[in-house]
Amino acid sequence: MIQYKKIDIQQIKKQNIYIWGAGTWGRRCFKYLKTKEINVKGFFDNAVDKWNSEINDITVYSPNELQLLKSERDFYDILFCRG
């Protein structure tokens, strides 16, 4: 279930963060998070041509790979950054 909430910068420093959207807004979000010393573990995007590419050494994944995170019991938050 998707839950929308305001971002508490101090709280998400403790989380595994992924960004949904590897376009302009996703990259802007990434740059902002880096200024706050937040570790982004990856991007997700619907665009097939972006899958397995990298943005600043961070991998862009297919949305299908979300299931892998769930199966690994990896706790994470996803920030939606779409224009």
Protein backbone atom coordinates (compact mmCIF):
# COMPACT_ATOMS: atom_id res chain seq x y z
CA MET A 1 0.00 0.00 0.00
CA ILE A 2 1.33 3.43 -0.91
CA GLN A 3 1.47 6.00 1.85
CA TYR A 4 2.16 9.62 1.07
CA LYS A 5 3.86 11.70 3.72
CA LYS A 6 5.97 14.79 4.14
CA ILE A 7 9.68 14.17 4.18
CA ASP A 8 11.43 14.41 7.55
CA ILE A 9 15.08 14.76 6.52
CA GLN A 10 16.44 13.48 9.82
CA GLN A 11 14.19 10.42 9.70
CA ILE A 12 15.04 9.40 6.14
CA LYS A 13 18.77 9.54 6.89
CA LYS A 14 18.11 6.26 8.69
CA GLN A 15 16.25 4.65 5.77
CA ASN A 16 17.14 2.91 2.55
CA ILE A 17 15.99 5.46 -0.02
CA TYR A 18 15.04 4.82 -3.63
CA ILE A 19 13.77 7.43 -6.07
CA TRP A 20 10.93 6.70 -8.49
CA GLY A 21 11.70 8.61 -11.66
CA ALA A 22 15.10 8.86 -13.31
CA GLY A 23 14.29 11.93 -15.39
CA THR A 24 14.76 15.60 -14.62
CA TRP A 25 12.80 15.61 -11.35
CA GLY A 26 14.43 12.42 -10.10
CA ARG A 27 17.86 13.86 -10.73
CA ARG A 28 16.91 17.10 -8.96
CA CYS A 29 15.62 15.11 -6.02
CA PHE A 30 18.85 13.10 -5.97
CA LYS A 31 21.00 16.25 -5.94
CA TYR A 32 18.94 17.71 -3.09
CA LEU A 33 19.17 14.53 -1.03
CA LYS A 34 22.94 14.46 -1.52
CA THR A 35 23.22 17.98 -0.08
CA LYS A 36 21.46 16.62 3.02
CA GLU A 37 23.88 13.64 3.17
CA ILE A 38 21.14 11.11 2.44
CA ASN A 39 22.22 7.88 0.79
CA VAL A 40 20.15 7.01 -2.27
CA LYS A 41 20.40 3.29 -3.03
CA GLY A 42 18.81 3.39 -6.48
CA PHE A 43 16.25 4.71 -8.93
CA PHE A 44 13.16 3.05 -10.40
CA ASP A 45 11.72 4.09 -13.73
CA ASN A 46 9.11 2.81 -16.20
CA ALA A 47 11.30 3.72 -19.21
CA VAL A 48 12.93 0.53 -20.51
CA ASP A 49 15.82 2.49 -22.03
CA LYS A 50 16.85 3.71 -18.55
CA TRP A 51 16.92 0.28 -16.88
CA ASN A 52 20.40 -0.88 -15.80
CA SER A 53 21.88 2.53 -16.57
CA GLU A 54 23.45 4.67 -13.86
CA ILE A 55 23.00 8.19 -12.58
CA ASN A 56 26.00 9.34 -10.55
CA ASP A 57 27.00 5.68 -10.04
CA ILE A 58 23.48 4.81 -8.78
CA THR A 59 21.63 2.08 -10.73
CA VAL A 60 18.25 2.62 -12.41
CA TYR A 61 16.01 -0.43 -11.93
CA SER A 62 12.90 -1.78 -13.57
CA PRO A 63 9.73 -1.48 -11.46
CA ASN A 64 9.60 -5.29 -11.56
CA GLU A 65 12.64 -5.35 -9.30
CA LEU A 66 10.60 -3.94 -6.43
CA GLN A 67 9.59 -7.54 -5.77
CA LEU A 68 13.25 -8.39 -5.14
CA LEU A 69 13.44 -5.77 -2.42
CA LYS A 70 10.35 -7.20 -0.80
CA SER A 71 11.70 -10.74 -0.98
CA GLU A 72 14.99 -9.67 0.61
CA ARG A 73 13.01 -8.09 3.45
CA ASP A 74 14.89 -4.88 2.77
CA PHE A 75 13.17 -1.97 4.47
CA TYR A 76 12.98 1.04 2.23
CA ASP A 77 11.19 4.23 1.32
CA ILE A 78 10.56 5.38 -2.22
CA LEU A 79 10.36 9.06 -3.07
CA PHE A 80 8.21 9.80 -6.12
CA CYS A 81 9.87 12.53 -8.18
CA ARG A 82 7.82 13.10 -11.30
CA GLY A 83 7.04 16.25 -13.17
